[in-house]
Amino acid sequence: MLLVPLIILSVSALSQASKPVVKGKKYQSQPLVKHIYTADPSAHVFNGKIYIYPSHDIEAGVAENDNGDHFAMRDYHILSLDKIGGKVTDHGVALDIKNIPWAGRQLWAPDAAYKNGTYYLYFPVKDKQDIFRIGVATSKSPTGPFKAAATPIKGSLSIDPAVFTNTDGNHTCILVEFGVGNSNVGNLQNTISMV
């Protein structure tokens, strides 16, 4: 099973599961992109433009199982649009797994943040011991390319990071512990690169 094209863009949700585009198939709304499989997006408005940070799945011929090994996510593409319903631009590969020194496989759902002239991409990926960790990569552009830190965030055994800006301007990251159902909430340091 592949992850699917983004379907709906709204204030609170950006994707809806569906099958890949089939000739003659009708959708409630049109997918944002049809040329790649995407899922689990986060969206942010930076400088008046909407940026979407989804995971990107490819067909790798891996048999489906309960561990999700068939989700072959090797890179992130950043999408943008000027307004809801506007033309979507795929900015290409913003971060590739081969450029994350500690990563093994499976880049899952990312999130992004901005502070002091730097964009931060938070991402879950299995390390070389096949354990999900959260990494952080930085760029001067919301579309990348992003450069990953040499190590994952210390103590992260998580997937699906969520980052938000508090009213005081500081950033908080929520991490869900994979397989145990616990959530960890941590304030990010001034550089917002570590918990």
C-alpha atoms as a PDB file:
ATOM      1  CA  MET A   1       0.000   0.000   0.000  1.00  0.00           C
ATOM      2  CA  LEU A   2       1.339   3.428  -0.916  1.00  0.00           C
ATOM      3  CA  LEU A   3       0.652   6.667   0.855  1.00  0.00           C
ATOM      4  CA  VAL A   4      -1.548   8.861  -1.248  1.00  0.00           C
ATOM      5  CA  PRO A   5      -1.667  12.291  -2.847  1.00  0.00           C
ATOM      6  CA  LEU A   6      -2.768  15.205  -0.675  1.00  0.00           C
ATOM      7  CA  ILE A   7      -6.486  15.662  -1.149  1.00  0.00           C
ATOM      8  CA  ILE A   8      -7.919  18.442   1.018  1.00  0.00           C
ATOM      9  CA  LEU A   9      -6.409  21.722   2.153  1.00  0.00           C
ATOM     10  CA  SER A  10      -8.297  23.371   5.002  1.00  0.00           C
ATOM     11  CA  VAL A  11      -7.530  25.318   8.140  1.00  0.00           C
ATOM     12  CA  SER A  12      -7.340  22.275  10.399  1.00  0.00           C
ATOM     13  CA  ALA A  13      -6.499  19.366   8.078  1.00  0.00           C
ATOM     14  CA  LEU A  14      -4.448  19.036   4.943  1.00  0.00           C
ATOM     15  CA  SER A  15      -4.837  15.466   3.776  1.00  0.00           C
ATOM     16  CA  GLN A  16      -7.378  12.729   3.307  1.00  0.00           C
ATOM     17  CA  ALA A  17      -6.546   9.110   2.521  1.00  0.00           C
ATOM     18  CA  SER A  18      -7.561   7.921  -0.929  1.00  0.00           C
ATOM     19  CA  LYS A  19      -6.192   5.727  -3.692  1.00  0.00           C
ATOM     20  CA  PRO A  20      -3.871   7.145  -6.355  1.00  0.00           C
ATOM     21  CA  VAL A  21      -5.542   9.026  -9.169  1.00  0.00           C
ATOM     22  CA  VAL A  22      -7.395   6.682 -11.499  1.00  0.00           C
ATOM     23  CA  LYS A  23      -8.718   7.834 -14.856  1.00  0.00           C
ATOM     24  CA  GLY A  24     -12.370   8.818 -14.472  1.00  0.00           C
ATOM     25  CA  LYS A  25     -12.285   8.757 -10.637  1.00  0.00           C
ATOM     26  CA  LYS A  26     -14.077  11.640  -8.967  1.00  0.00           C
ATOM     27  CA  TYR A  27     -12.779  13.278  -5.793  1.00  0.00           C
ATOM     28  CA  GLN A  28     -14.514  15.545  -3.301  1.00  0.00           C
ATOM     29  CA  SER A  29     -11.717  17.942  -4.200  1.00  0.00           C
ATOM     30  CA  GLN A  30      -8.681  17.593  -6.405  1.00  0.00           C
ATOM     31  CA  PRO A  31      -5.368  16.341  -4.977  1.00  0.00           C
ATOM     32  CA  LEU A  32      -2.775  19.040  -4.457  1.00  0.00           C
ATOM     33  CA  VAL A  33      -0.214  16.900  -6.292  1.00  0.00           C
ATOM     34  CA  LYS A  34      -0.572  13.798  -8.438  1.00  0.00           C
ATOM     35  CA  HIS A  35       3.036  13.073  -9.406  1.00  0.00           C
ATOM     36  CA  ILE A  36       4.212  11.836  -5.960  1.00  0.00           C
ATOM     37  CA  TYR A  37       2.652  10.028  -3.003  1.00  0.00           C
ATOM     38  CA  THR A  38       2.418  12.154   0.131  1.00  0.00           C
ATOM     39  CA  ALA A  39       0.872  11.840   3.592  1.00  0.00           C
ATOM     40  CA  ASP A  40       0.844  13.255   7.117  1.00  0.00           C
ATOM     41  CA  PRO A  41       1.498  16.901   6.199  1.00  0.00           C
ATOM     42  CA  SER A  42       2.052  19.849   8.448  1.00  0.00           C
ATOM     43  CA  ALA A  43       1.428  23.311   7.050  1.00  0.00           C
ATOM     44  CA  HIS A  44       2.798  26.705   7.971  1.00  0.00           C
ATOM     45  CA  VAL A  45       2.490  30.238   6.689  1.00  0.00           C
ATOM     46  CA  PHE A  46       5.872  31.889   6.291  1.00  0.00           C
ATOM     47  CA  ASN A  47       6.113  35.355   4.730  1.00  0.00           C
ATOM     48  CA  GLY A  48       2.466  35.235   3.615  1.00  0.00           C
ATOM     49  CA  LYS A  49       2.841  31.951   1.681  1.00  0.00           C
ATOM     50  CA  ILE A  50       1.538  28.471   2.586  1.00  0.00           C
ATOM     51  CA  TYR A  51       4.228  25.782   2.905  1.00  0.00           C
ATOM     52  CA  ILE A  52       3.320  22.115   3.227  1.00  0.00           C
ATOM     53  CA  TYR A  53       5.728  19.590   4.760  1.00  0.00           C
ATOM     54  CA  PRO A  54       4.489  16.047   3.940  1.00  0.00           C
ATOM     55  CA  SER A  55       6.139  12.674   4.065  1.00  0.00           C
ATOM     56  CA  HIS A  56       6.908  11.195   0.624  1.00  0.00           C
ATOM     57  CA  ASP A  57       6.369   7.511  -0.094  1.00  0.00           C
ATOM     58  CA  ILE A  58       7.642   5.508  -3.060  1.00  0.00           C
ATOM     59  CA  GLU A  59       6.777   2.071  -4.406  1.00  0.00           C
ATOM     60  CA  ALA A  60       9.654  -0.096  -3.199  1.00  0.00           C
ATOM     61  CA  GLY A  61       8.194  -3.557  -3.644  1.00  0.00           C
ATOM     62  CA  VAL A  62       8.341  -4.276   0.096  1.00  0.00           C
ATOM     63  CA  ALA A  63       5.584  -6.574   1.362  1.00  0.00           C
ATOM     64  CA  GLU A  64       3.031  -4.911   3.648  1.00  0.00           C
ATOM     65  CA  ASN A  65       3.290  -5.829   7.338  1.00  0.00           C
ATOM     66  CA  ASP A  66       2.214  -4.561  10.768  1.00  0.00           C
ATOM     67  CA  ASN A  67       5.571  -2.810  11.302  1.00  0.00           C
ATOM     68  CA  GLY A  68       5.034  -0.448   8.361  1.00  0.00           C
ATOM     69  CA  ASP A  69       8.201  -1.678   6.638  1.00  0.00           C
ATOM     70  CA  HIS A  70       6.498  -1.138   3.268  1.00  0.00           C
ATOM     71  CA  PHE A  71       6.514   2.637   3.734  1.00  0.00           C
ATOM     72  CA  ALA A  72       9.685   3.471   1.798  1.00  0.00           C
ATOM     73  CA  MET A  73      10.145   7.143   2.555  1.00  0.00           C
ATOM     74  CA  ARG A  74      13.588   8.355   1.528  1.00  0.00           C
ATOM     75  CA  ASP A  75      13.221  12.103   1.143  1.00  0.00           C
ATOM     76  CA  TYR A  76      11.027  15.134   1.756  1.00  0.00           C
ATOM     77  CA  HIS A  77       9.526  17.415  -0.884  1.00  0.00           C
ATOM     78  CA  ILE A  78       8.265  20.815   0.248  1.00  0.00           C
ATOM     79  CA  LEU A  79       5.114  22.105  -1.444  1.00  0.00           C
ATOM     80  CA  SER A  80       3.945  25.707  -1.492  1.00  0.00           C
ATOM     81  CA  LEU A  81       1.046  27.801  -2.699  1.00  0.00           C
ATOM     82  CA  ASP A  82       0.201  31.480  -2.504  1.00  0.00           C
ATOM     83  CA  LYS A  83      -3.389  30.858  -1.393  1.00  0.00           C
ATOM     84  CA  ILE A  84      -5.809  28.003  -0.757  1.00  0.00           C
ATOM     85  CA  GLY A  85      -6.925  26.745  -4.145  1.00  0.00           C
ATOM     86  CA  GLY A  86      -3.877  28.301  -5.827  1.00  0.00           C
ATOM     87  CA  LYS A  87      -1.223  26.658  -7.975  1.00  0.00           C
ATOM     88  CA  VAL A  88       0.934  24.203  -6.015  1.00  0.00           C
ATOM     89  CA  THR A  89       4.700  24.225  -6.491  1.00  0.00           C
ATOM     90  CA  ASP A  90       6.796  21.169  -5.640  1.00  0.00           C
ATOM     91  CA  HIS A  91      10.228  22.499  -4.705  1.00  0.00           C
ATOM     92  CA  GLY A  92      11.864  19.105  -5.182  1.00  0.00           C
ATOM     93  CA  VAL A  93      13.924  17.181  -2.659  1.00  0.00           C
ATOM     94  CA  ALA A  94      14.551  19.307   0.432  1.00  0.00           C
ATOM     95  CA  LEU A  95      16.221  16.582   2.521  1.00  0.00           C
ATOM     96  CA  ASP A  96      17.365  13.106   1.463  1.00  0.00           C
ATOM     97  CA  ILE A  97      17.970  10.234   3.878  1.00  0.00           C
ATOM     98  CA  LYS A  98      21.455   9.721   2.419  1.00  0.00           C
ATOM     99  CA  ASN A  99      22.368  13.170   3.823  1.00  0.00           C
ATOM    100  CA  ILE A 100      21.424  12.246   7.410  1.00  0.00           C
ATOM    101  CA  PRO A 101      24.568  10.612   8.833  1.00  0.00           C
ATOM    102  CA  TRP A 102      22.848   8.599  11.581  1.00  0.00           C
ATOM    103  CA  ALA A 103      19.707   7.580   9.623  1.00  0.00           C
ATOM    104  CA  GLY A 104      18.859   4.076   8.496  1.00  0.00           C
ATOM    105  CA  ARG A 105      15.432   4.205   6.806  1.00  0.00           C
ATOM    106  CA  GLN A 106      11.873   5.559   6.753  1.00  0.00           C
ATOM    107  CA  LEU A 107      11.502   9.338   6.972  1.00  0.00           C
ATOM    108  CA  TRP A 108       7.997   9.727   8.400  1.00  0.00           C
ATOM    109  CA  ALA A 109       5.795  12.774   9.160  1.00  0.00           C
ATOM    110  CA  PRO A 110       7.827  15.985   9.597  1.00  0.00           C
ATOM    111  CA  ASP A 111       7.055  19.409  11.014  1.00  0.00           C
ATOM    112  CA  ALA A 112       8.707  22.792  10.565  1.00  0.00           C
ATOM    113  CA  ALA A 113       9.393  25.972  12.522  1.00  0.00           C
ATOM    114  CA  TYR A 114      11.091  29.325  11.964  1.00  0.00           C
ATOM    115  CA  LYS A 115      13.182  31.416  14.339  1.00  0.00           C
ATOM    116  CA  ASN A 116      15.814  34.133  13.946  1.00  0.00           C
ATOM    117  CA  GLY A 117      16.289  33.758  10.187  1.00  0.00           C
ATOM    118  CA  THR A 118      16.499  29.947  10.206  1.00  0.00           C
ATOM    119  CA  TYR A 119      13.934  27.322   9.203  1.00  0.00           C
ATOM    120  CA  TYR A 120      13.940  24.086  11.182  1.00  0.00           C
ATOM    121  CA  LEU A 121      12.663  20.765   9.832  1.00  0.00           C
ATOM    122  CA  TYR A 122      11.898  18.193  12.546  1.00  0.00           C
ATOM    123  CA  PHE A 123      11.646  14.644  11.268  1.00  0.00           C
ATOM    124  CA  PRO A 124      11.294  11.074  12.527  1.00  0.00           C
ATOM    125  CA  VAL A 125      13.529   8.444  10.951  1.00  0.00           C
ATOM    126  CA  LYS A 126      14.759   5.026  11.992  1.00  0.00           C
ATOM    127  CA  ASP A 127      18.398   5.119  12.990  1.00  0.00           C
ATOM    128  CA  LYS A 128      20.942   2.491  11.973  1.00  0.00           C
ATOM    129  CA  GLN A 129      19.696   0.262  14.847  1.00  0.00           C
ATOM    130  CA  ASP A 130      16.142   0.524  13.361  1.00  0.00           C
ATOM    131  CA  ILE A 131      14.790   2.694  16.204  1.00  0.00           C
ATOM    132  CA  PHE A 132      12.733   5.816  15.456  1.00  0.00           C
ATOM    133  CA  ARG A 133      14.455   9.030  16.530  1.00  0.00           C
ATOM    134  CA  ILE A 134      13.676  12.684  15.912  1.00  0.00           C
ATOM    135  CA  GLY A 135      16.192  14.685  13.944  1.00  0.00           C
ATOM    136  CA  VAL A 136      16.425  18.340  13.083  1.00  0.00           C
ATOM    137  CA  ALA A 137      17.702  19.979   9.910  1.00  0.00           C
ATOM    138  CA  THR A 138      18.157  23.675   9.127  1.00  0.00           C
ATOM    139  CA  SER A 139      17.908  25.956   6.117  1.00  0.00           C
ATOM    140  CA  LYS A 140      17.776  29.646   5.332  1.00  0.00           C
ATOM    141  CA  SER A 141      14.787  28.921   3.061  1.00  0.00           C
ATOM    142  CA  PRO A 142      11.424  27.330   3.963  1.00  0.00           C
ATOM    143  CA  THR A 143      11.867  25.063   0.921  1.00  0.00           C
ATOM    144  CA  GLY A 144      15.374  23.884   1.762  1.00  0.00           C
ATOM    145  CA  PRO A 145      17.704  22.376   1.030  1.00  0.00           C
ATOM    146  CA  PHE A 146      17.916  21.375   4.694  1.00  0.00           C
ATOM    147  CA  LYS A 147      21.131  20.247   6.393  1.00  0.00           C
ATOM    148  CA  ALA A 148      20.623  17.593   9.062  1.00  0.00           C
ATOM    149  CA  ALA A 149      22.332  17.681  12.440  1.00  0.00           C
ATOM    150  CA  ALA A 150      25.007  15.037  12.976  1.00  0.00           C
ATOM    151  CA  THR A 151      22.966  13.276  15.681  1.00  0.00           C
ATOM    152  CA  PRO A 152      19.276  12.897  16.586  1.00  0.00           C
ATOM    153  CA  ILE A 153      17.673  14.890  19.401  1.00  0.00           C
ATOM    154  CA  LYS A 154      18.962  13.296  22.600  1.00  0.00           C
ATOM    155  CA  GLY A 155      16.493  10.900  24.187  1.00  0.00           C
ATOM    156  CA  SER A 156      14.022  10.933  21.324  1.00  0.00           C
ATOM    157  CA  LEU A 157      12.366   7.575  20.686  1.00  0.00           C
ATOM    158  CA  SER A 158       9.523   9.037  18.736  1.00  0.00           C
ATOM    159  CA  ILE A 159       7.547   9.641  15.575  1.00  0.00           C
ATOM    160  CA  ASP A 160       5.449  12.536  14.307  1.00  0.00           C
ATOM    161  CA  PRO A 161       6.941  15.584  16.025  1.00  0.00           C
ATOM    162  CA  ALA A 162       4.710  18.631  16.387  1.00  0.00           C
ATOM    163  CA  VAL A 163       6.222  22.052  16.982  1.00  0.00           C
ATOM    164  CA  PHE A 164       4.351  25.197  17.897  1.00  0.00           C
ATOM    165  CA  THR A 165       5.254  28.734  18.894  1.00  0.00           C
ATOM    166  CA  ASN A 166       4.099  29.865  22.337  1.00  0.00           C
ATOM    167  CA  THR A 167       2.725  33.350  22.925  1.00  0.00           C
ATOM    168  CA  ASP A 168       6.105  34.321  24.429  1.00  0.00           C
ATOM    169  CA  GLY A 169       7.842  33.444  21.141  1.00  0.00           C
ATOM    170  CA  ASN A 170       9.474  30.273  22.443  1.00  0.00           C
ATOM    171  CA  HIS A 171       8.953  26.948  20.709  1.00  0.00           C
ATOM    172  CA  THR A 172       7.627  23.712  22.176  1.00  0.00           C
ATOM    173  CA  CYS A 173       7.993  20.269  20.637  1.00  0.00           C
ATOM    174  CA  ILE A 174       5.591  17.414  21.327  1.00  0.00           C
ATOM    175  CA  LEU A 175       7.016  13.918  20.813  1.00  0.00           C
ATOM    176  CA  VAL A 176       4.955  10.740  20.908  1.00  0.00           C
ATOM    177  CA  GLU A 177       6.860   7.668  22.101  1.00  0.00           C
ATOM    178  CA  PHE A 178       6.476   5.015  19.418  1.00  0.00           C
ATOM    179  CA  GLY A 179       4.723   1.864  20.553  1.00  0.00           C
ATOM    180  CA  VAL A 180       4.119   2.894  24.173  1.00  0.00           C
ATOM    181  CA  GLY A 181       1.525   5.635  23.771  1.00  0.00           C
ATOM    182  CA  ASN A 182       3.312   8.211  25.934  1.00  0.00           C
ATOM    183  CA  SER A 183       3.799  11.810  24.889  1.00  0.00           C
ATOM    184  CA  ASN A 184       6.734  13.993  25.822  1.00  0.00           C
ATOM    185  CA  VAL A 185       6.537  17.774  25.722  1.00  0.00           C
ATOM    186  CA  GLY A 186       9.707  19.793  25.799  1.00  0.00           C
ATOM    187  CA  ASN A 187      10.637  23.422  25.334  1.00  0.00           C
ATOM    188  CA  LEU A 188      13.225  23.888  22.645  1.00  0.00           C
ATOM    189  CA  GLN A 189      16.346  25.880  23.417  1.00  0.00           C
ATOM    190  CA  ASN A 190      16.980  29.292  21.915  1.00  0.00           C
ATOM    191  CA  THR A 191      18.312  27.695  18.753  1.00  0.00           C
ATOM    192  CA  ILE A 192      15.220  25.395  18.781  1.00  0.00           C
ATOM    193  CA  SER A 193      17.471  22.628  17.622  1.00  0.00           C
ATOM    194  CA  MET A 194      17.401  20.482  20.746  1.00  0.00           C
ATOM    195  CA  VAL A 195      14.914  19.519  23.450  1.00  0.00           C
END
